Amino acid sequence: ELDYTFFDWQTNTAAKNETMNFPDGCVGMSYVYSGDTDHTDRGTLVAIYNPATEEWTTSEGKIEDHKTGFGCAARYGQNGIVVVSRNPSSSTCEVYIIEDKDNLPHGDLAPVYIMDPIHNPHFPAVMCTGPDHKNIHILVTGLNEVTEDGQTNPIYYFRSMDGGNTWDEYMSID
């Protein structure tokens, strides 16, 4: 059971990836939590399952300081997690990095990147590559957007090749 939420990872078919495996055998997951019926405090939580101890550890609170939803996550670095979530209030996608899954945050994290609202980004997907899993690749849909060449709901790709320090410009995928 995942915190009595309607927006858990089991029912969120819009999310592209929310679970990850770590070299030590642990399984990580992100999920969207809502503690009230109006979902005004909806946000992303992270949980880690350790098969050696058969225990779950959670972030014990959403990682953002505002309402978010339908995020995704991937393994980052050797022992961390990158989370991408959508802020419906500002119509942005925000990227958060948790450096160490064994020391989950218990409250607000500062985003390392915010995709501006001009593209109305929805339904993110993220993966990390490279020898250290620190090259971050993100796809989002520009929902209800029509590009200059007539493409409806374009897919945008953006990335960081240095662990979230700098980011490429968005690239539209036909």
C-alpha atoms as a PDB file:
ATOM      1  CA  GLU A   1       0.000   0.000   0.000  1.00  0.00           C
ATOM      2  CA  LEU A   2       1.330   3.422  -0.975  1.00  0.00           C
ATOM      3  CA  ASP A   3       0.172   6.099   1.450  1.00  0.00           C
ATOM      4  CA  TYR A   4      -3.553   6.059   0.591  1.00  0.00           C
ATOM      5  CA  THR A   5      -3.165   7.915  -2.685  1.00  0.00           C
ATOM      6  CA  PHE A   6      -5.098   7.906  -5.931  1.00  0.00           C
ATOM      7  CA  PHE A   7      -1.965   8.922  -7.821  1.00  0.00           C
ATOM      8  CA  ASP A   8       0.349   6.063  -6.926  1.00  0.00           C
ATOM      9  CA  TRP A   9       2.737   4.394  -9.334  1.00  0.00           C
ATOM     10  CA  GLN A  10       0.423   1.430  -9.815  1.00  0.00           C
ATOM     11  CA  THR A  11      -2.346   3.516 -11.403  1.00  0.00           C
ATOM     12  CA  ASN A  12      -0.317   6.199 -13.169  1.00  0.00           C
ATOM     13  CA  THR A  13      -0.200   4.959 -16.757  1.00  0.00           C
ATOM     14  CA  ALA A  14       1.047   8.357 -17.996  1.00  0.00           C
ATOM     15  CA  ALA A  15       4.388   7.989 -16.240  1.00  0.00           C
ATOM     16  CA  LYS A  16       7.099   6.445 -18.375  1.00  0.00           C
ATOM     17  CA  ASN A  17       9.437   5.145 -15.678  1.00  0.00           C
ATOM     18  CA  GLU A  18       9.286   5.188 -11.927  1.00  0.00           C
ATOM     19  CA  THR A  19      11.370   2.220 -10.742  1.00  0.00           C
ATOM     20  CA  MET A  20      15.100   1.551 -10.799  1.00  0.00           C
ATOM     21  CA  ASN A  21      17.573  -1.126  -9.702  1.00  0.00           C
ATOM     22  CA  PHE A  22      20.823  -0.445  -7.883  1.00  0.00           C
ATOM     23  CA  PRO A  23      24.044  -2.515  -7.898  1.00  0.00           C
ATOM     24  CA  ASP A  24      23.531  -3.455  -4.223  1.00  0.00           C
ATOM     25  CA  GLY A  25      20.208  -5.148  -5.085  1.00  0.00           C
ATOM     26  CA  CYS A  26      17.978  -2.367  -3.769  1.00  0.00           C
ATOM     27  CA  VAL A  27      14.969  -1.257  -5.778  1.00  0.00           C
ATOM     28  CA  GLY A  28      13.996   2.403  -5.877  1.00  0.00           C
ATOM     29  CA  MET A  29      10.715   3.944  -6.914  1.00  0.00           C
ATOM     30  CA  SER A  30       9.044   7.299  -7.093  1.00  0.00           C
ATOM     31  CA  TYR A  31       5.329   7.855  -6.767  1.00  0.00           C
ATOM     32  CA  VAL A  32       2.911  10.722  -6.514  1.00  0.00           C
ATOM     33  CA  TYR A  33       1.331  11.203  -3.119  1.00  0.00           C
ATOM     34  CA  SER A  34      -1.743  13.197  -2.169  1.00  0.00           C
ATOM     35  CA  GLY A  35      -2.812  13.545   1.415  1.00  0.00           C
ATOM     36  CA  ASP A  36      -6.120  15.350   0.836  1.00  0.00           C
ATOM     37  CA  THR A  37      -9.146  14.769  -1.361  1.00  0.00           C
ATOM     38  CA  ASP A  38      -8.577  17.986  -3.358  1.00  0.00           C
ATOM     39  CA  HIS A  39      -4.973  16.958  -4.064  1.00  0.00           C
ATOM     40  CA  THR A  40      -3.685  20.431  -3.183  1.00  0.00           C
ATOM     41  CA  ASP A  41      -0.560  18.979  -1.554  1.00  0.00           C
ATOM     42  CA  ARG A  42       0.143  16.388  -4.288  1.00  0.00           C
ATOM     43  CA  GLY A  43       3.842  15.725  -4.796  1.00  0.00           C
ATOM     44  CA  THR A  44       6.578  13.200  -5.478  1.00  0.00           C
ATOM     45  CA  LEU A  45       7.829  10.784  -2.852  1.00  0.00           C
ATOM     46  CA  VAL A  46      10.704   8.329  -3.179  1.00  0.00           C
ATOM     47  CA  ALA A  47      10.983   4.879  -1.614  1.00  0.00           C
ATOM     48  CA  ILE A  48      13.788   2.306  -1.511  1.00  0.00           C
ATOM     49  CA  TYR A  49      13.327  -1.415  -0.895  1.00  0.00           C
ATOM     50  CA  ASN A  50      16.292  -3.300   0.538  1.00  0.00           C
ATOM     51  CA  PRO A  51      15.888  -7.044  -0.164  1.00  0.00           C
ATOM     52  CA  ALA A  52      18.631  -7.961   2.319  1.00  0.00           C
ATOM     53  CA  THR A  53      16.665  -6.493   5.234  1.00  0.00           C
ATOM     54  CA  GLU A  54      13.225  -6.703   3.595  1.00  0.00           C
ATOM     55  CA  GLU A  55      12.615  -3.081   4.620  1.00  0.00           C
ATOM     56  CA  TRP A  56      11.269   0.026   2.881  1.00  0.00           C
ATOM     57  CA  THR A  57      12.725   3.481   3.449  1.00  0.00           C
ATOM     58  CA  THR A  58      10.754   6.507   2.214  1.00  0.00           C
ATOM     59  CA  SER A  59      11.402  10.205   1.832  1.00  0.00           C
ATOM     60  CA  GLU A  60       8.649  10.727   4.446  1.00  0.00           C
ATOM     61  CA  GLY A  61       7.322  13.712   2.551  1.00  0.00           C
ATOM     62  CA  LYS A  62       7.249  15.094  -0.951  1.00  0.00           C
ATOM     63  CA  ILE A  63      10.529  16.336  -2.360  1.00  0.00           C
ATOM     64  CA  GLU A  64       9.044  19.531  -3.858  1.00  0.00           C
ATOM     65  CA  ASP A  65       7.680  22.550  -1.987  1.00  0.00           C
ATOM     66  CA  HIS A  66       4.600  22.871  -4.221  1.00  0.00           C
ATOM     67  CA  LYS A  67       1.968  20.752  -5.949  1.00  0.00           C
ATOM     68  CA  THR A  68       3.326  18.426  -8.662  1.00  0.00           C
ATOM     69  CA  GLY A  69       2.249  15.321 -10.448  1.00  0.00           C
ATOM     70  CA  PHE A  70       2.999  12.475 -12.815  1.00  0.00           C
ATOM     71  CA  GLY A  71       6.741  12.463 -12.520  1.00  0.00           C
ATOM     72  CA  CYS A  72       9.366   9.876 -13.363  1.00  0.00           C
ATOM     73  CA  ALA A  73      12.678   8.745 -11.951  1.00  0.00           C
ATOM     74  CA  ALA A  74      15.908   7.005 -12.909  1.00  0.00           C
ATOM     75  CA  ARG A  75      19.067   5.818 -11.224  1.00  0.00           C
ATOM     76  CA  TYR A  76      21.614   8.629 -11.048  1.00  0.00           C
ATOM     77  CA  GLY A  77      25.313   8.220 -10.364  1.00  0.00           C
ATOM     78  CA  GLN A  78      26.380   5.189  -8.385  1.00  0.00           C
ATOM     79  CA  ASN A  79      23.795   5.474  -5.630  1.00  0.00           C
ATOM     80  CA  GLY A  80      21.446   8.353  -6.438  1.00  0.00           C
ATOM     81  CA  ILE A  81      18.141   9.149  -8.110  1.00  0.00           C
ATOM     82  CA  VAL A  82      17.048  11.826 -10.560  1.00  0.00           C
ATOM     83  CA  VAL A  83      13.361  12.777 -10.483  1.00  0.00           C
ATOM     84  CA  VAL A  84      11.467  14.800 -13.095  1.00  0.00           C
ATOM     85  CA  SER A  85       8.040  16.112 -12.145  1.00  0.00           C
ATOM     86  CA  ARG A  86       5.526  18.515 -13.627  1.00  0.00           C
ATOM     87  CA  ASN A  87       4.392  21.611 -11.742  1.00  0.00           C
ATOM     88  CA  PRO A  88       0.798  22.233 -12.898  1.00  0.00           C
ATOM     89  CA  SER A  89       0.707  25.707 -11.326  1.00  0.00           C
ATOM     90  CA  SER A  90       3.546  27.031 -13.475  1.00  0.00           C
ATOM     91  CA  SER A  91       3.309  24.515 -16.373  1.00  0.00           C
ATOM     92  CA  THR A  92       6.973  23.626 -16.007  1.00  0.00           C
ATOM     93  CA  CYS A  93       8.950  20.401 -15.668  1.00  0.00           C
ATOM     94  CA  GLU A  94      11.436  20.349 -12.835  1.00  0.00           C
ATOM     95  CA  VAL A  95      14.480  18.134 -12.328  1.00  0.00           C
ATOM     96  CA  TYR A  96      15.564  17.067  -8.834  1.00  0.00           C
ATOM     97  CA  ILE A  97      18.674  15.088  -7.895  1.00  0.00           C
ATOM     98  CA  ILE A  98      18.957  12.909  -4.802  1.00  0.00           C
ATOM     99  CA  GLU A  99      22.666  12.147  -4.531  1.00  0.00           C
ATOM    100  CA  ASP A 100      22.373   9.170  -2.163  1.00  0.00           C
ATOM    101  CA  LYS A 101      19.404   6.766  -2.005  1.00  0.00           C
ATOM    102  CA  ASP A 102      20.539   5.704   1.465  1.00  0.00           C
ATOM    103  CA  ASN A 103      20.001   9.273   2.745  1.00  0.00           C
ATOM    104  CA  LEU A 104      16.635  10.259   1.292  1.00  0.00           C
ATOM    105  CA  PRO A 105      15.539  13.876   1.790  1.00  0.00           C
ATOM    106  CA  HIS A 106      12.760  14.606   4.252  1.00  0.00           C
ATOM    107  CA  GLY A 107      11.299  17.674   2.617  1.00  0.00           C
ATOM    108  CA  ASP A 108      11.889  20.209  -0.091  1.00  0.00           C
ATOM    109  CA  LEU A 109      14.713  19.922  -2.595  1.00  0.00           C
ATOM    110  CA  ALA A 110      15.790  22.708  -4.912  1.00  0.00           C
ATOM    111  CA  PRO A 111      15.386  21.794  -8.591  1.00  0.00           C
ATOM    112  CA  VAL A 112      18.619  21.607 -10.566  1.00  0.00           C
ATOM    113  CA  TYR A 113      16.730  22.555 -13.726  1.00  0.00           C
ATOM    114  CA  ILE A 114      13.321  23.966 -14.662  1.00  0.00           C
ATOM    115  CA  MET A 115      11.975  23.658 -18.226  1.00  0.00           C
ATOM    116  CA  ASP A 116      10.127  26.872 -18.980  1.00  0.00           C
ATOM    117  CA  PRO A 117       6.338  26.822 -19.463  1.00  0.00           C
ATOM    118  CA  ILE A 118       6.317  27.969 -23.077  1.00  0.00           C
ATOM    119  CA  HIS A 119       6.139  24.335 -24.209  1.00  0.00           C
ATOM    120  CA  ASN A 120       3.526  23.192 -21.620  1.00  0.00           C
ATOM    121  CA  PRO A 121       5.573  20.047 -20.851  1.00  0.00           C
ATOM    122  CA  HIS A 122       3.717  16.896 -19.789  1.00  0.00           C
ATOM    123  CA  PHE A 123       4.417  13.187 -19.257  1.00  0.00           C
ATOM    124  CA  PRO A 124       8.192  13.245 -18.750  1.00  0.00           C
ATOM    125  CA  ALA A 125      10.497  10.262 -19.189  1.00  0.00           C
ATOM    126  CA  VAL A 126      14.078  10.234 -17.897  1.00  0.00           C
ATOM    127  CA  MET A 127      17.116   7.992 -18.115  1.00  0.00           C
ATOM    128  CA  CYS A 128      20.753   8.355 -17.119  1.00  0.00           C
ATOM    129  CA  THR A 129      23.691   7.024 -19.124  1.00  0.00           C
ATOM    130  CA  GLY A 130      27.457   7.117 -19.144  1.00  0.00           C
ATOM    131  CA  PRO A 131      30.074   5.380 -17.045  1.00  0.00           C
ATOM    132  CA  ASP A 132      28.883   7.180 -13.906  1.00  0.00           C
ATOM    133  CA  HIS A 133      25.143   7.350 -14.786  1.00  0.00           C
ATOM    134  CA  LYS A 134      25.358  11.156 -14.704  1.00  0.00           C
ATOM    135  CA  ASN A 135      24.325  11.984 -18.277  1.00  0.00           C
ATOM    136  CA  ILE A 136      20.641  12.885 -17.853  1.00  0.00           C
ATOM    137  CA  HIS A 137      18.287  12.492 -20.847  1.00  0.00           C
ATOM    138  CA  ILE A 138      14.690  13.758 -20.655  1.00  0.00           C
ATOM    139  CA  LEU A 139      11.727  13.563 -23.045  1.00  0.00           C
ATOM    140  CA  VAL A 140       8.507  15.539 -22.539  1.00  0.00           C
ATOM    141  CA  THR A 141       5.374  16.105 -24.595  1.00  0.00           C
ATOM    142  CA  GLY A 142       4.445  19.693 -25.421  1.00  0.00           C
ATOM    143  CA  LEU A 143       0.778  19.039 -24.693  1.00  0.00           C
ATOM    144  CA  ASN A 144      -1.792  20.971 -26.749  1.00  0.00           C
ATOM    145  CA  GLU A 145       1.032  22.723 -28.578  1.00  0.00           C
ATOM    146  CA  VAL A 146       1.351  23.142 -32.336  1.00  0.00           C
ATOM    147  CA  THR A 147       4.817  23.934 -33.675  1.00  0.00           C
ATOM    148  CA  GLU A 148       5.568  26.349 -36.512  1.00  0.00           C
ATOM    149  CA  ASP A 149       5.756  23.419 -38.932  1.00  0.00           C
ATOM    150  CA  GLY A 150       2.322  22.129 -37.831  1.00  0.00           C
ATOM    151  CA  GLN A 151       3.385  19.336 -35.489  1.00  0.00           C
ATOM    152  CA  THR A 152       0.782  18.735 -32.761  1.00  0.00           C
ATOM    153  CA  ASN A 153       1.900  17.693 -29.261  1.00  0.00           C
ATOM    154  CA  PRO A 154       5.613  17.669 -30.147  1.00  0.00           C
ATOM    155  CA  ILE A 155       8.145  15.633 -28.203  1.00  0.00           C
ATOM    156  CA  TYR A 156      11.012  17.631 -26.727  1.00  0.00           C
ATOM    157  CA  TYR A 157      14.381  16.215 -25.751  1.00  0.00           C
ATOM    158  CA  PHE A 158      16.830  17.951 -23.461  1.00  0.00           C
ATOM    159  CA  ARG A 159      19.832  16.716 -21.545  1.00  0.00           C
ATOM    160  CA  SER A 160      22.689  17.386 -19.197  1.00  0.00           C
ATOM    161  CA  MET A 161      25.992  15.676 -19.899  1.00  0.00           C
ATOM    162  CA  ASP A 162      27.626  16.824 -16.660  1.00  0.00           C
ATOM    163  CA  GLY A 163      25.413  15.630 -13.833  1.00  0.00           C
ATOM    164  CA  GLY A 164      22.864  18.447 -14.013  1.00  0.00           C
ATOM    165  CA  ASN A 165      25.285  21.376 -13.921  1.00  0.00           C
ATOM    166  CA  THR A 166      24.521  22.597 -17.451  1.00  0.00           C
ATOM    167  CA  TRP A 167      21.679  21.804 -19.869  1.00  0.00           C
ATOM    168  CA  ASP A 168      21.354  21.712 -23.660  1.00  0.00           C
ATOM    169  CA  GLU A 169      18.665  23.677 -25.455  1.00  0.00           C
ATOM    170  CA  TYR A 170      15.443  21.763 -26.131  1.00  0.00           C
ATOM    171  CA  MET A 171      15.340  19.778 -29.334  1.00  0.00           C
ATOM    172  CA  SER A 172      12.007  19.041 -30.995  1.00  0.00           C
ATOM    173  CA  ILE A 173      11.609  15.490 -32.290  1.00  0.00           C
ATOM    174  CA  ASP A 174       9.396  15.112 -35.351  1.00  0.00           C
END
